[in-house]
N, C-alpha and C. Protein backbone atom coordinates (compact mmCIF):
# COMPACT_ATOMS: atom_id res chain seq x y z
N MET A 1 11.80 52.95 -37.66
CA MET A 1 12.10 52.49 -35.89
C MET A 1 12.45 53.97 -35.34
N LYS A 2 11.96 53.51 -34.27
CA LYS A 2 12.06 55.49 -33.86
C LYS A 2 12.99 55.31 -32.68
N ILE A 3 14.17 55.91 -32.67
CA ILE A 3 14.96 55.52 -31.57
C ILE A 3 14.67 56.35 -30.22
N LEU A 4 14.74 55.77 -29.21
CA LEU A 4 14.54 56.69 -28.12
C LEU A 4 15.70 56.30 -27.49
N GLY A 5 15.40 57.19 -26.33
CA GLY A 5 16.99 57.93 -25.34
C GLY A 5 16.03 58.14 -23.66
N TYR A 6 17.06 57.57 -23.14
CA TYR A 6 16.26 57.91 -21.46
C TYR A 6 17.54 58.22 -20.84
N ARG A 7 17.35 59.63 -19.57
CA ARG A 7 17.67 59.68 -18.69
C ARG A 7 18.19 58.55 -18.07
N THR A 8 19.07 58.13 -17.56
CA THR A 8 19.46 56.83 -16.22
C THR A 8 20.51 57.58 -15.24
N ILE A 9 20.34 56.96 -14.23
CA ILE A 9 21.18 57.44 -12.51
C ILE A 9 21.42 55.60 -11.84
N ILE A 10 22.98 56.33 -11.52
CA ILE A 10 23.39 55.11 -11.14
C ILE A 10 24.20 56.02 -10.17
N GLN A 11 24.33 55.34 -8.89
CA GLN A 11 24.19 55.36 -7.57
C GLN A 11 25.26 54.48 -6.82
N LYS A 12 26.51 54.70 -5.97
CA LYS A 12 26.94 53.96 -5.71
C LYS A 12 25.79 53.32 -4.29
N ASP A 13 25.85 52.35 -3.87
CA ASP A 13 24.77 50.87 -3.15
C ASP A 13 25.85 50.35 -1.95
N GLY A 14 26.65 50.91 -1.44
CA GLY A 14 26.96 49.73 -0.48
C GLY A 14 28.54 49.74 -1.17
N LYS A 15 28.82 48.16 -1.15
CA LYS A 15 29.36 47.80 -2.01
C LYS A 15 29.92 47.84 -3.53
N ARG A 16 27.89 48.36 -4.06
CA ARG A 16 28.03 47.69 -5.36
C ARG A 16 26.82 49.06 -5.89
N TYR A 17 25.73 48.36 -7.57
CA TYR A 17 25.91 50.28 -7.86
C TYR A 17 24.33 49.91 -7.98
N HIS A 18 24.11 51.15 -7.82
CA HIS A 18 22.42 50.25 -8.01
C HIS A 18 21.59 51.37 -9.68
N GLY A 19 21.36 51.17 -10.53
CA GLY A 19 21.07 52.03 -11.75
C GLY A 19 19.42 51.44 -11.53
N PHE A 20 18.94 53.41 -12.25
CA PHE A 20 17.20 53.29 -12.79
C PHE A 20 16.98 54.45 -14.03
N VAL A 21 15.82 54.15 -14.23
CA VAL A 21 15.22 55.06 -15.47
C VAL A 21 13.83 55.95 -14.72
N PRO A 22 13.83 57.18 -14.33
CA PRO A 22 13.08 57.93 -13.55
C PRO A 22 12.23 58.18 -15.00
N LEU A 23 11.71 57.93 -15.48
CA LEU A 23 10.79 58.27 -16.47
C LEU A 23 10.21 56.88 -16.68
N LEU A 24 10.63 55.04 -15.86
CA LEU A 24 10.11 53.97 -16.61
C LEU A 24 10.23 53.99 -15.17
N ARG A 25 8.99 53.57 -14.65
CA ARG A 25 8.56 53.11 -13.08
C ARG A 25 8.32 51.49 -13.13
N GLY A 26 9.58 52.06 -11.86
CA GLY A 26 10.52 50.33 -12.19
C GLY A 26 11.85 49.96 -12.27
N CYS A 27 11.74 50.20 -13.45
CA CYS A 27 13.11 50.26 -13.75
C CYS A 27 14.28 50.28 -13.19
N HIS A 28 15.04 49.67 -12.68
CA HIS A 28 16.48 49.22 -11.93
C HIS A 28 16.49 48.52 -12.01
N THR A 29 18.09 47.98 -11.86
CA THR A 29 18.98 47.41 -11.34
C THR A 29 20.12 47.12 -11.22
N ASP A 30 21.18 46.47 -10.79
CA ASP A 30 21.80 47.23 -9.92
C ASP A 30 23.61 45.86 -10.78
N GLY A 31 24.69 46.51 -10.23
CA GLY A 31 25.55 45.41 -10.79
C GLY A 31 26.91 45.27 -10.13
N ASP A 32 28.16 44.83 -9.61
CA ASP A 32 29.05 45.15 -9.13
C ASP A 32 30.01 46.07 -9.23
N THR A 33 30.34 46.86 -10.69
CA THR A 33 30.91 48.24 -11.67
C THR A 33 29.74 48.83 -11.91
N ILE A 34 30.14 49.92 -12.13
CA ILE A 34 29.45 50.62 -13.01
C ILE A 34 29.25 50.33 -14.71
N GLU A 35 30.24 49.87 -15.12
CA GLU A 35 30.40 49.24 -16.46
C GLU A 35 29.61 48.61 -16.24
N GLU A 36 29.46 47.03 -15.54
CA GLU A 36 27.83 46.06 -15.46
C GLU A 36 26.58 46.35 -15.38
N THR A 37 26.62 47.75 -14.44
CA THR A 37 25.06 48.02 -14.15
C THR A 37 24.56 49.61 -15.48
N GLN A 38 25.70 49.78 -16.84
CA GLN A 38 24.94 50.52 -17.45
C GLN A 38 24.60 48.89 -18.60
N LYS A 39 25.71 48.06 -18.44
CA LYS A 39 24.52 46.88 -19.45
C LYS A 39 23.24 46.76 -19.49
N LYS A 40 23.63 46.34 -17.96
CA LYS A 40 22.12 45.79 -17.13
C LYS A 40 21.34 46.50 -17.61
N LEU A 41 21.42 47.76 -17.66
CA LEU A 41 20.66 49.36 -17.74
C LEU A 41 19.78 48.90 -18.79
N LYS A 42 20.63 48.66 -19.74
CA LYS A 42 19.72 48.50 -21.38
C LYS A 42 19.35 47.27 -21.76
N GLU A 43 19.48 46.51 -21.38
CA GLU A 43 19.03 45.32 -21.39
C GLU A 43 17.44 45.30 -20.23
N VAL A 44 16.95 45.94 -19.30
CA VAL A 44 16.30 46.09 -18.65
C VAL A 44 15.07 47.51 -19.53
N ILE A 45 15.75 48.46 -19.91
CA ILE A 45 15.22 49.22 -20.39
C ILE A 45 14.72 48.60 -21.98
N LYS A 46 15.07 47.34 -22.23
CA LYS A 46 14.75 47.21 -23.93
C LYS A 46 13.53 46.20 -22.97
N LEU A 47 14.05 45.32 -22.46
CA LEU A 47 12.63 44.54 -21.43
C LEU A 47 11.39 44.84 -21.01
N TRP A 48 11.84 46.52 -20.45
CA TRP A 48 10.11 47.40 -19.56
C TRP A 48 9.60 47.86 -21.40
N ILE A 49 10.27 48.55 -22.29
CA ILE A 49 9.61 48.85 -23.20
C ILE A 49 8.79 47.41 -23.96
N GLU A 50 9.46 46.59 -24.03
CA GLU A 50 8.76 45.00 -25.17
C GLU A 50 7.64 44.40 -23.85
N THR A 51 7.82 44.78 -22.73
CA THR A 51 6.37 44.52 -22.16
C THR A 51 5.52 45.65 -22.14
N THR A 52 6.47 47.03 -21.62
CA THR A 52 4.62 47.77 -22.19
C THR A 52 3.95 47.60 -23.54
N LYS A 53 4.99 47.64 -24.70
CA LYS A 53 3.98 47.27 -25.77
C LYS A 53 3.49 45.73 -26.20
N TYR A 54 3.75 45.04 -25.13
CA TYR A 54 2.64 43.46 -24.70
C TYR A 54 1.45 44.26 -24.33
N GLN A 55 1.66 45.17 -23.62
CA GLN A 55 0.64 45.54 -22.41
C GLN A 55 -0.66 46.44 -23.23
N VAL A 56 -0.03 46.62 -24.25
CA VAL A 56 -0.46 47.86 -24.94
C VAL A 56 -0.40 49.32 -24.23
N TRP A 57 0.44 49.21 -23.28
CA TRP A 57 0.36 51.47 -22.78
C TRP A 57 1.71 51.97 -23.32
N LYS A 58 1.41 53.20 -23.01
CA LYS A 58 1.92 54.10 -23.82
C LYS A 58 3.43 54.86 -22.69
N ILE A 59 4.08 54.46 -24.05
CA ILE A 59 5.96 54.46 -24.02
C ILE A 59 6.16 56.27 -24.04
N PRO A 60 6.40 55.96 -22.59
CA PRO A 60 6.58 57.31 -22.12
C PRO A 60 8.25 57.38 -22.27
N VAL A 61 8.31 59.27 -23.25
CA VAL A 61 9.61 59.67 -24.32
C VAL A 61 10.18 60.73 -23.62
N GLU A 62 11.23 60.39 -23.59
CA GLU A 62 12.22 61.55 -22.49
C GLU A 62 11.68 62.90 -23.51
N VAL A 63 11.75 64.31 -22.97
CA VAL A 63 11.76 65.64 -23.41
C VAL A 63 12.65 66.42 -23.05
N ASN A 64 13.21 67.22 -23.84
CA ASN A 64 15.23 67.38 -23.51
C ASN A 64 14.22 69.13 -23.56
C-alpha cells in the first residue's frame, strides 16, 4: 500500500475555517475549529482519491 501525503491549507473565513488541498482540484471543506477542519480534510481527501480511482483518473503525487 502506497502512503500519499498532501499539503493542506486552513484559513480563517469569518467565524469558520476553510481548508483545501491545492494539488487536488475541488478538494475543499470547512469547520467551526481548526481541528474539525483538519478531520474533515482527511475524510475529503479519502473520498477524492476513491472517486478518482473509480473514474480511472491519475492521482496526483506531491513532489517535495
